[in-house]
Amino acid sequence: MIVTAKYRERFEYHITRARAIMESFVSESNVAILSDSVRRHNERFPVLRRVRTYVLWISFHGLIAVGGMILTMIALIR
């Protein structure tokens, strides 16, 4: 579930920046628009923006590996 939440956060981050870039074609203050979009994104996802995606993927695959080892041990014991 946290992996899905993190990917949602990254999606929102990039969509926010894309919208800001599109708005910058109309506005003269590109830097202000981009920094404002990043600020809004950071306010919307204060915790998830700090979580690194690679840590989630390593943890996810580590849990699968540990689960496989536990199931293998159970199968060998029986």
PDB file of N, CA and C in Angstrom:
ATOM      1  N   MET A   1       0.816  -1.186   0.000  1.00  0.00           N
ATOM      2  CA  MET A   1       0.000   0.000   0.000  1.00  0.00           C
ATOM      3  C   MET A   1       0.867   1.260   0.000  1.00  0.00           C
ATOM      4  N   ILE A   2       1.958   1.261   0.729  1.00  0.00           N
ATOM      5  CA  ILE A   2       2.823   2.435   0.777  1.00  0.00           C
ATOM      6  C   ILE A   2       3.501   2.657  -0.569  1.00  0.00           C
ATOM      7  N   VAL A   3       3.775   1.562  -1.286  1.00  0.00           N
ATOM      8  CA  VAL A   3       4.380   1.693  -2.612  1.00  0.00           C
ATOM      9  C   VAL A   3       3.422   2.417  -3.548  1.00  0.00           C
ATOM     10  N   THR A   4       2.176   2.038  -3.495  1.00  0.00           N
ATOM     11  CA  THR A   4       1.164   2.694  -4.322  1.00  0.00           C
ATOM     12  C   THR A   4       1.024   4.164  -3.945  1.00  0.00           C
ATOM     13  N   ALA A   5       1.035   4.454  -2.669  1.00  0.00           N
ATOM     14  CA  ALA A   5       0.933   5.844  -2.218  1.00  0.00           C
ATOM     15  C   ALA A   5       2.129   6.653  -2.709  1.00  0.00           C
ATOM     16  N   LYS A   6       3.312   6.068  -2.660  1.00  0.00           N
ATOM     17  CA  LYS A   6       4.506   6.775  -3.115  1.00  0.00           C
ATOM     18  C   LYS A   6       4.425   7.056  -4.613  1.00  0.00           C
ATOM     19  N   TYR A   7       3.990   6.077  -5.386  1.00  0.00           N
ATOM     20  CA  TYR A   7       3.876   6.311  -6.815  1.00  0.00           C
ATOM     21  C   TYR A   7       2.808   7.351  -7.126  1.00  0.00           C
ATOM     22  N   ARG A   8       1.754   7.375  -6.353  1.00  0.00           N
ATOM     23  CA  ARG A   8       0.743   8.422  -6.518  1.00  0.00           C
ATOM     24  C   ARG A   8       1.354   9.795  -6.223  1.00  0.00           C
ATOM     25  N   GLU A   9       2.164   9.872  -5.172  1.00  0.00           N
ATOM     26  CA  GLU A   9       2.817  11.126  -4.823  1.00  0.00           C
ATOM     27  C   GLU A   9       3.729  11.586  -5.950  1.00  0.00           C
ATOM     28  N   ARG A  10       4.515  10.687  -6.533  1.00  0.00           N
ATOM     29  CA  ARG A  10       5.420  11.051  -7.627  1.00  0.00           C
ATOM     30  C   ARG A  10       4.633  11.500  -8.856  1.00  0.00           C
ATOM     31  N   PHE A  11       3.530  10.805  -9.125  1.00  0.00           N
ATOM     32  CA  PHE A  11       2.671  11.182 -10.247  1.00  0.00           C
ATOM     33  C   PHE A  11       2.153  12.607 -10.061  1.00  0.00           C
ATOM     34  N   GLU A  12       1.656  12.895  -8.873  1.00  0.00           N
ATOM     35  CA  GLU A  12       1.136  14.232  -8.590  1.00  0.00           C
ATOM     36  C   GLU A  12       2.239  15.281  -8.702  1.00  0.00           C
ATOM     37  N   TYR A  13       3.438  14.948  -8.276  1.00  0.00           N
ATOM     38  CA  TYR A  13       4.556  15.869  -8.367  1.00  0.00           C
ATOM     39  C   TYR A  13       4.822  16.246  -9.824  1.00  0.00           C
ATOM     40  N   HIS A  14       4.904  15.239 -10.671  1.00  0.00           N
ATOM     41  CA  HIS A  14       5.223  15.509 -12.070  1.00  0.00           C
ATOM     42  C   HIS A  14       4.068  16.177 -12.803  1.00  0.00           C
ATOM     43  N   ILE A  15       2.851  15.833 -12.476  1.00  0.00           N
ATOM     44  CA  ILE A  15       1.700  16.493 -13.085  1.00  0.00           C
ATOM     45  C   ILE A  15       1.662  17.961 -12.665  1.00  0.00           C
ATOM     46  N   THR A  16       1.953  18.230 -11.397  1.00  0.00           N
ATOM     47  CA  THR A  16       1.973  19.614 -10.917  1.00  0.00           C
ATOM     48  C   THR A  16       3.023  20.425 -11.666  1.00  0.00           C
ATOM     49  N   ARG A  17       4.190  19.845 -11.860  1.00  0.00           N
ATOM     50  CA  ARG A  17       5.246  20.549 -12.599  1.00  0.00           C
ATOM     51  C   ARG A  17       4.882  20.731 -14.060  1.00  0.00           C
ATOM     52  N   ALA A  18       4.267  19.726 -14.660  1.00  0.00           N
ATOM     53  CA  ALA A  18       3.862  19.835 -16.063  1.00  0.00           C
ATOM     54  C   ALA A  18       2.824  20.941 -16.241  1.00  0.00           C
ATOM     55  N   ARG A  19       1.874  21.006 -15.323  1.00  0.00           N
ATOM     56  CA  ARG A  19       0.876  22.076 -15.392  1.00  0.00           C
ATOM     57  C   ARG A  19       1.534  23.442 -15.232  1.00  0.00           C
ATOM     58  N   ALA A  20       2.499  23.516 -14.324  1.00  0.00           N
ATOM     59  CA  ALA A  20       3.199  24.788 -14.117  1.00  0.00           C
ATOM     60  C   ALA A  20       3.976  25.194 -15.361  1.00  0.00           C
ATOM     61  N   ILE A  21       4.596  24.243 -16.018  1.00  0.00           N
ATOM     62  CA  ILE A  21       5.329  24.551 -17.245  1.00  0.00           C
ATOM     63  C   ILE A  21       4.372  25.025 -18.326  1.00  0.00           C
ATOM     64  N   MET A  22       3.230  24.365 -18.439  1.00  0.00           N
ATOM     65  CA  MET A  22       2.234  24.798 -19.423  1.00  0.00           C
ATOM     66  C   MET A  22       1.758  26.219 -19.120  1.00  0.00           C
ATOM     67  N   GLU A  23       1.560  26.522 -17.839  1.00  0.00           N
ATOM     68  CA  GLU A  23       1.153  27.871 -17.456  1.00  0.00           C
ATOM     69  C   GLU A  23       2.259  28.877 -17.737  1.00  0.00           C
ATOM     70  N   SER A  24       3.511  28.434 -17.693  1.00  0.00           N
ATOM     71  CA  SER A  24       4.627  29.354 -17.893  1.00  0.00           C
ATOM     72  C   SER A  24       4.697  29.872 -19.323  1.00  0.00           C
ATOM     73  N   PHE A  25       4.105  29.164 -20.245  1.00  0.00           N
ATOM     74  CA  PHE A  25       4.079  29.665 -21.616  1.00  0.00           C
ATOM     75  C   PHE A  25       3.250  30.937 -21.721  1.00  0.00           C
ATOM     76  N   VAL A  26       2.301  31.070 -20.803  1.00  0.00           N
ATOM     77  CA  VAL A  26       1.444  32.252 -20.798  1.00  0.00           C
ATOM     78  C   VAL A  26       2.038  33.342 -19.912  1.00  0.00           C
ATOM     79  N   SER A  27       2.683  32.930 -18.821  1.00  0.00           N
ATOM     80  CA  SER A  27       3.207  33.878 -17.841  1.00  0.00           C
ATOM     81  C   SER A  27       4.687  34.191 -18.114  1.00  0.00           C
ATOM     82  N   GLU A  28       5.155  35.299 -17.578  1.00  0.00           N
ATOM     83  CA  GLU A  28       6.554  35.674 -17.739  1.00  0.00           C
ATOM     84  C   GLU A  28       7.430  35.168 -16.603  1.00  0.00           C
ATOM     85  N   SER A  29       6.834  34.848 -15.481  1.00  0.00           N
ATOM     86  CA  SER A  29       7.605  34.462 -14.301  1.00  0.00           C
ATOM     87  C   SER A  29       7.665  32.940 -14.174  1.00  0.00           C
ATOM     88  N   ASN A  30       8.489  32.299 -15.010  1.00  0.00           N
ATOM     89  CA  ASN A  30       8.590  30.832 -15.019  1.00  0.00           C
ATOM     90  C   ASN A  30       9.107  30.274 -13.700  1.00  0.00           C
ATOM     91  N   VAL A  31      10.113  30.878 -13.162  1.00  0.00           N
ATOM     92  CA  VAL A  31      10.725  30.380 -11.927  1.00  0.00           C
ATOM     93  C   VAL A  31       9.737  30.456 -10.769  1.00  0.00           C
ATOM     94  N   ALA A  32       9.010  31.537 -10.675  1.00  0.00           N
ATOM     95  CA  ALA A  32       8.040  31.696  -9.591  1.00  0.00           C
ATOM     96  C   ALA A  32       6.935  30.661  -9.703  1.00  0.00           C
ATOM     97  N   ILE A  33       6.500  30.377 -10.913  1.00  0.00           N
ATOM     98  CA  ILE A  33       5.427  29.389 -11.108  1.00  0.00           C
ATOM     99  C   ILE A  33       5.925  28.002 -10.714  1.00  0.00           C
ATOM    100  N   LEU A  34       7.110  27.645 -11.153  1.00  0.00           N
ATOM    101  CA  LEU A  34       7.636  26.322 -10.809  1.00  0.00           C
ATOM    102  C   LEU A  34       7.867  26.177  -9.315  1.00  0.00           C
ATOM    103  N   SER A  35       8.428  27.192  -8.684  1.00  0.00           N
ATOM    104  CA  SER A  35       8.664  27.094  -7.247  1.00  0.00           C
ATOM    105  C   SER A  35       7.343  27.053  -6.482  1.00  0.00           C
ATOM    106  N   ASP A  36       6.345  27.745  -6.966  1.00  0.00           N
ATOM    107  CA  ASP A  36       5.029  27.691  -6.340  1.00  0.00           C
ATOM    108  C   ASP A  36       4.411  26.308  -6.490  1.00  0.00           C
ATOM    109  N   SER A  37       4.582  25.685  -7.670  1.00  0.00           N
ATOM    110  CA  SER A  37       4.031  24.340  -7.864  1.00  0.00           C
ATOM    111  C   SER A  37       4.720  23.326  -6.954  1.00  0.00           C
ATOM    112  N   VAL A  38       6.033  23.469  -6.776  1.00  0.00           N
ATOM    113  CA  VAL A  38       6.768  22.565  -5.886  1.00  0.00           C
ATOM    114  C   VAL A  38       6.321  22.777  -4.440  1.00  0.00           C
ATOM    115  N   ARG A  39       6.138  24.028  -4.048  1.00  0.00           N
ATOM    116  CA  ARG A  39       5.673  24.329  -2.690  1.00  0.00           C
ATOM    117  C   ARG A  39       4.298  23.715  -2.441  1.00  0.00           C
ATOM    118  N   ARG A  40       3.376  23.857  -3.412  1.00  0.00           N
ATOM    119  CA  ARG A  40       2.035  23.272  -3.259  1.00  0.00           C
ATOM    120  C   ARG A  40       2.108  21.752  -3.152  1.00  0.00           C
ATOM    121  N   HIS A  41       2.965  21.161  -3.966  1.00  0.00           N
ATOM    122  CA  HIS A  41       3.120  19.707  -3.923  1.00  0.00           C
ATOM    123  C   HIS A  41       3.666  19.263  -2.566  1.00  0.00           C
ATOM    124  N   ASN A  42       4.677  19.962  -2.075  1.00  0.00           N
ATOM    125  CA  ASN A  42       5.283  19.612  -0.794  1.00  0.00           C
ATOM    126  C   ASN A  42       4.298  19.778   0.361  1.00  0.00           C
ATOM    127  N   GLU A  43       3.420  20.754   0.269  1.00  0.00           N
ATOM    128  CA  GLU A  43       2.389  20.917   1.294  1.00  0.00           C
ATOM    129  C   GLU A  43       1.360  19.794   1.222  1.00  0.00           C
ATOM    130  N   ARG A  44       1.087  19.317   0.031  1.00  0.00           N
ATOM    131  CA  ARG A  44       0.083  18.264  -0.139  1.00  0.00           C
ATOM    132  C   ARG A  44       0.607  16.897   0.299  1.00  0.00           C
ATOM    133  N   PHE A  45       1.902  16.639   0.106  1.00  0.00           N
ATOM    134  CA  PHE A  45       2.507  15.352   0.454  1.00  0.00           C
ATOM    135  C   PHE A  45       3.732  15.570   1.351  1.00  0.00           C
ATOM    136  N   PRO A  46       3.526  16.025   2.591  1.00  0.00           N
ATOM    137  CA  PRO A  46       4.685  16.357   3.429  1.00  0.00           C
ATOM    138  C   PRO A  46       5.530  15.152   3.840  1.00  0.00           C
ATOM    139  N   VAL A  47       4.924  14.000   4.021  1.00  0.00           N
ATOM    140  CA  VAL A  47       5.681  12.824   4.473  1.00  0.00           C
ATOM    141  C   VAL A  47       6.185  12.009   3.286  1.00  0.00           C
ATOM    142  N   LEU A  48       5.307  11.742   2.323  1.00  0.00           N
ATOM    143  CA  LEU A  48       5.683  10.874   1.212  1.00  0.00           C
ATOM    144  C   LEU A  48       6.777  11.462   0.336  1.00  0.00           C
ATOM    145  N   ARG A  49       6.886  12.761   0.274  1.00  0.00           N
ATOM    146  CA  ARG A  49       7.921  13.346  -0.586  1.00  0.00           C
ATOM    147  C   ARG A  49       9.315  13.046  -0.060  1.00  0.00           C
ATOM    148  N   ARG A  50       9.431  12.706   1.219  1.00  0.00           N
ATOM    149  CA  ARG A  50      10.739  12.388   1.798  1.00  0.00           C
ATOM    150  C   ARG A  50      11.113  10.916   1.623  1.00  0.00           C
ATOM    151  N   VAL A  51      10.132  10.074   1.327  1.00  0.00           N
ATOM    152  CA  VAL A  51      10.381   8.636   1.186  1.00  0.00           C
ATOM    153  C   VAL A  51      10.991   8.375  -0.183  1.00  0.00           C
ATOM    154  N   ARG A  52      12.115   7.705  -0.207  1.00  0.00           N
ATOM    155  CA  ARG A  52      12.780   7.370  -1.456  1.00  0.00           C
ATOM    156  C   ARG A  52      12.142   6.120  -2.063  1.00  0.00           C
ATOM    157  N   THR A  53      11.859   6.177  -3.343  1.00  0.00           N
ATOM    158  CA  THR A  53      11.199   5.065  -4.022  1.00  0.00           C
ATOM    159  C   THR A  53      12.061   3.812  -4.006  1.00  0.00           C
ATOM    160  N   TYR A  54      13.361   3.960  -4.189  1.00  0.00           N
ATOM    161  CA  TYR A  54      14.217   2.783  -4.218  1.00  0.00           C
ATOM    162  C   TYR A  54      14.208   2.043  -2.883  1.00  0.00           C
ATOM    163  N   VAL A  55      14.041   2.766  -1.778  1.00  0.00           N
ATOM    164  CA  VAL A  55      13.960   2.116  -0.467  1.00  0.00           C
ATOM    165  C   VAL A  55      12.691   1.263  -0.393  1.00  0.00           C
ATOM    166  N   LEU A  56      11.605   1.786  -0.929  1.00  0.00           N
ATOM    167  CA  LEU A  56      10.359   1.010  -0.947  1.00  0.00           C
ATOM    168  C   LEU A  56      10.512  -0.256  -1.778  1.00  0.00           C
ATOM    169  N   TRP A  57      11.128  -0.133  -2.961  1.00  0.00           N
ATOM    170  CA  TRP A  57      11.290  -1.303  -3.821  1.00  0.00           C
ATOM    171  C   TRP A  57      12.221  -2.332  -3.194  1.00  0.00           C
ATOM    172  N   ILE A  58      13.303  -1.902  -2.590  1.00  0.00           N
ATOM    173  CA  ILE A  58      14.217  -2.841  -1.937  1.00  0.00           C
ATOM    174  C   ILE A  58      13.505  -3.537  -0.778  1.00  0.00           C
ATOM    175  N   SER A  59      12.762  -2.781   0.006  1.00  0.00           N
ATOM    176  CA  SER A  59      12.024  -3.367   1.130  1.00  0.00           C
ATOM    177  C   SER A  59      10.974  -4.347   0.639  1.00  0.00           C
ATOM    178  N   PHE A  60      10.263  -3.971  -0.408  1.00  0.00           N
ATOM    179  CA  PHE A  60       9.220  -4.836  -0.976  1.00  0.00           C
ATOM    180  C   PHE A  60       9.814  -6.167  -1.437  1.00  0.00           C
ATOM    181  N   HIS A  61      10.904  -6.110  -2.194  1.00  0.00           N
ATOM    182  CA  HIS A  61      11.529  -7.345  -2.669  1.00  0.00           C
ATOM    183  C   HIS A  61      12.186  -8.118  -1.533  1.00  0.00           C
ATOM    184  N   GLY A  62      12.702  -7.416  -0.547  1.00  0.00           N
ATOM    185  CA  GLY A  62      13.256  -8.091   0.623  1.00  0.00           C
ATOM    186  C   GLY A  62      12.191  -8.867   1.382  1.00  0.00           C
ATOM    187  N   LEU A  63      11.014  -8.264   1.532  1.00  0.00           N
ATOM    188  CA  LEU A  63       9.911  -8.963   2.204  1.00  0.00           C
ATOM    189  C   LEU A  63       9.476 -10.195   1.422  1.00  0.00           C
ATOM    190  N   ILE A  64       9.450 -10.093   0.109  1.00  0.00           N
ATOM    191  CA  ILE A  64       9.103 -11.263  -0.708  1.00  0.00           C
ATOM    192  C   ILE A  64      10.141 -12.363  -0.520  1.00  0.00           C
ATOM    193  N   ALA A  65      11.412 -11.995  -0.495  1.00  0.00           N
ATOM    194  CA  ALA A  65      12.476 -12.980  -0.311  1.00  0.00           C
ATOM    195  C   ALA A  65      12.384 -13.637   1.065  1.00  0.00           C
ATOM    196  N   VAL A  66      12.165 -12.845   2.094  1.00  0.00           N
ATOM    197  CA  VAL A  66      12.041 -13.392   3.452  1.00  0.00           C
ATOM    198  C   VAL A  66      10.822 -14.304   3.537  1.00  0.00           C
ATOM    199  N   GLY A  67       9.723 -13.877   2.947  1.00  0.00           N
ATOM    200  CA  GLY A  67       8.523 -14.716   2.934  1.00  0.00           C
ATOM    201  C   GLY A  67       8.777 -16.035   2.228  1.00  0.00           C
ATOM    202  N   GLY A  68       9.516 -15.994   1.131  1.00  0.00           N
ATOM    203  CA  GLY A  68       9.862 -17.226   0.414  1.00  0.00           C
ATOM    204  C   GLY A  68      10.738 -18.143   1.241  1.00  0.00           C
ATOM    205  N   MET A  69      11.686 -17.570   1.973  1.00  0.00           N
ATOM    206  CA  MET A  69      12.549 -18.387   2.831  1.00  0.00           C
ATOM    207  C   MET A  69      11.747 -19.028   3.956  1.00  0.00           C
ATOM    208  N   ILE A  70      10.822 -18.274   4.529  1.00  0.00           N
ATOM    209  CA  ILE A  70       9.989 -18.820   5.607  1.00  0.00           C
ATOM    210  C   ILE A  70       9.130 -19.960   5.080  1.00  0.00           C
ATOM    211  N   LEU A  71       8.520 -19.761   3.933  1.00  0.00           N
ATOM    212  CA  LEU A  71       7.704 -20.835   3.342  1.00  0.00           C
ATOM    213  C   LEU A  71       8.547 -22.057   2.988  1.00  0.00           C
ATOM    214  N   THR A  72       9.763 -21.832   2.507  1.00  0.00           N
ATOM    215  CA  THR A  72      10.670 -22.952   2.199  1.00  0.00           C
ATOM    216  C   THR A  72      11.040 -23.719   3.462  1.00  0.00           C
ATOM    217  N   MET A  73      11.328 -23.007   4.535  1.00  0.00           N
ATOM    218  CA  MET A  73      11.658 -23.666   5.804  1.00  0.00           C
ATOM    219  C   MET A  73      10.483 -24.491   6.308  1.00  0.00           C
ATOM    220  N   ILE A  74       9.300 -23.922   6.221  1.00  0.00           N
ATOM    221  CA  ILE A  74       8.090 -24.646   6.664  1.00  0.00           C
ATOM    222  C   ILE A  74       7.907 -25.912   5.828  1.00  0.00           C
ATOM    223  N   ALA A  75       8.108 -25.793   4.513  1.00  0.00           N
ATOM    224  CA  ALA A  75       7.946 -26.960   3.639  1.00  0.00           C
ATOM    225  C   ALA A  75       9.001 -28.026   3.939  1.00  0.00           C
ATOM    226  N   LEU A  76      10.239 -27.609   4.251  1.00  0.00           N
ATOM    227  CA  LEU A  76      11.290 -28.574   4.535  1.00  0.00           C
ATOM    228  C   LEU A  76      11.080 -29.263   5.880  1.00  0.00           C
ATOM    229  N   ILE A  77      10.544 -28.544   6.830  1.00  0.00           N
ATOM    230  CA  ILE A  77      10.326 -29.109   8.160  1.00  0.00           C
ATOM    231  C   ILE A  77       9.220 -30.170   8.108  1.00  0.00           C
ATOM    232  N   ARG A  78       8.214 -29.942   7.324  1.00  0.00           N
ATOM    233  CA  ARG A  78       7.108 -30.904   7.233  1.00  0.00           C
ATOM    234  C   ARG A  78       7.523 -32.015   6.382  1.00  0.00           C
TER     235      ARG A  78
END
